[in-house]
Amino acid sequence: MEENYDISDEAKLELHKAKCYFQFLGREEEFFNDFLHQLRVTLQMPYGFQVRYRDIRIVKFEQFEYSIHYNIYNDRIVILKVLNQRQNY
């Protein structure tokens, strides 16, 4: 996979929390496969997703209720957040 993306510290933290949670449930590999699949799709067509707010695009996971929130700077994808869609703020 081409390394044409960056992941923010906040997104790394969210991925770590999800890893711990799904590791507890025995579904860590499924979660990361879903994440990597959506990342590949995003890298193949970064402009293929609608701008939702403040120039941020959202890609939803297929199996899990998570989404990748990203922006594009100088033709490079910047993953800002990986959010649980059922999370209360």
Protein backbone atom coordinates (compact mmCIF):
# COMPACT_ATOMS: atom_id res chain seq x y z
CA MET A 1 0.00 0.00 0.00
CA GLU A 2 1.42 3.37 -0.97
CA GLU A 3 2.30 5.52 2.03
CA ASN A 4 0.46 8.63 0.82
CA TYR A 5 -1.24 9.37 4.12
CA ASP A 6 -0.62 10.59 7.64
CA ILE A 7 -2.51 9.68 10.80
CA SER A 8 -3.01 12.30 13.50
CA ASP A 9 -2.16 11.55 17.12
CA GLU A 10 -5.87 11.69 17.96
CA ALA A 11 -6.68 9.07 15.31
CA LYS A 12 -3.83 6.86 16.58
CA LEU A 13 -5.25 7.07 20.10
CA GLU A 14 -8.74 6.12 18.87
CA LEU A 15 -7.30 3.17 16.94
CA HIS A 16 -5.44 2.04 20.05
CA LYS A 17 -8.63 2.22 22.16
CA ALA A 18 -10.51 0.24 19.51
CA LYS A 19 -7.67 -2.30 19.35
CA CYS A 20 -7.89 -2.89 23.11
CA TYR A 21 -11.67 -3.19 23.02
CA PHE A 22 -11.82 -5.57 20.07
CA GLN A 23 -8.88 -7.57 21.38
CA PHE A 24 -10.97 -8.18 24.51
CA LEU A 25 -13.85 -9.37 22.29
CA GLY A 26 -11.58 -11.50 20.10
CA ARG A 27 -12.38 -9.42 17.00
CA GLU A 28 -9.22 -7.31 16.69
CA GLU A 29 -8.16 -8.83 13.37
CA GLU A 30 -11.63 -8.29 11.84
CA PHE A 31 -11.62 -4.67 12.97
CA PHE A 32 -8.20 -3.90 11.50
CA ASN A 33 -9.03 -5.71 8.26
CA ASP A 34 -12.10 -3.48 7.93
CA PHE A 35 -10.00 -0.39 8.71
CA LEU A 36 -7.30 -1.35 6.19
CA HIS A 37 -9.91 -2.08 3.52
CA GLN A 38 -11.45 1.37 3.94
CA LEU A 39 -7.99 2.95 3.96
CA ARG A 40 -7.13 1.22 0.65
CA VAL A 41 -10.38 2.44 -0.89
CA THR A 42 -9.66 5.96 0.33
CA LEU A 43 -6.12 5.88 -1.08
CA GLN A 44 -7.40 4.68 -4.45
CA MET A 45 -9.99 7.43 -4.77
CA PRO A 46 -9.41 10.15 -2.16
CA TYR A 47 -11.82 12.59 -3.81
CA GLY A 48 -14.51 9.91 -4.16
CA PHE A 49 -16.19 10.77 -0.88
CA GLN A 50 -18.40 13.74 -0.19
CA VAL A 51 -17.14 16.69 1.86
CA ARG A 52 -19.25 16.61 5.02
CA TYR A 53 -18.00 19.47 7.19
CA ARG A 54 -15.05 21.92 7.15
CA ASP A 55 -13.48 20.17 4.12
CA ILE A 56 -13.54 16.84 5.97
CA ARG A 57 -14.62 13.66 4.21
CA ILE A 58 -15.97 10.59 5.98
CA VAL A 59 -15.59 6.91 5.09
CA LYS A 60 -17.68 4.44 7.09
CA PHE A 61 -16.39 0.98 7.91
CA GLU A 62 -18.32 -1.89 6.34
CA GLN A 63 -18.64 -4.21 9.35
CA PHE A 64 -18.06 -1.99 12.35
CA GLU A 65 -19.75 1.22 13.42
CA TYR A 66 -16.64 3.33 12.98
CA SER A 67 -15.66 5.93 10.43
CA ILE A 68 -12.51 7.57 9.14
CA HIS A 69 -12.58 11.37 9.03
CA TYR A 70 -9.95 12.76 6.70
CA ASN A 71 -8.87 15.78 4.76
CA ILE A 72 -6.62 16.15 1.73
CA TYR A 73 -3.63 18.51 1.87
CA ASN A 74 -1.32 18.79 -1.13
CA ASP A 75 -2.66 15.49 -2.58
CA ARG A 76 -1.86 13.73 0.70
CA ILE A 77 -4.55 12.16 2.87
CA VAL A 78 -4.52 13.21 6.50
CA ILE A 79 -6.61 10.99 8.78
CA LEU A 80 -7.83 13.30 11.50
CA LYS A 81 -10.09 10.97 13.47
CA VAL A 82 -11.30 7.39 13.62
CA LEU A 83 -14.63 7.61 15.40
CA ASN A 84 -17.01 5.14 16.95
CA GLN A 85 -20.44 6.08 15.59
CA ARG A 86 -22.19 5.04 18.82
CA GLN A 87 -19.94 7.07 21.09
CA ASN A 88 -21.53 9.67 23.35
CA TYR A 89 -19.75 13.02 23.52
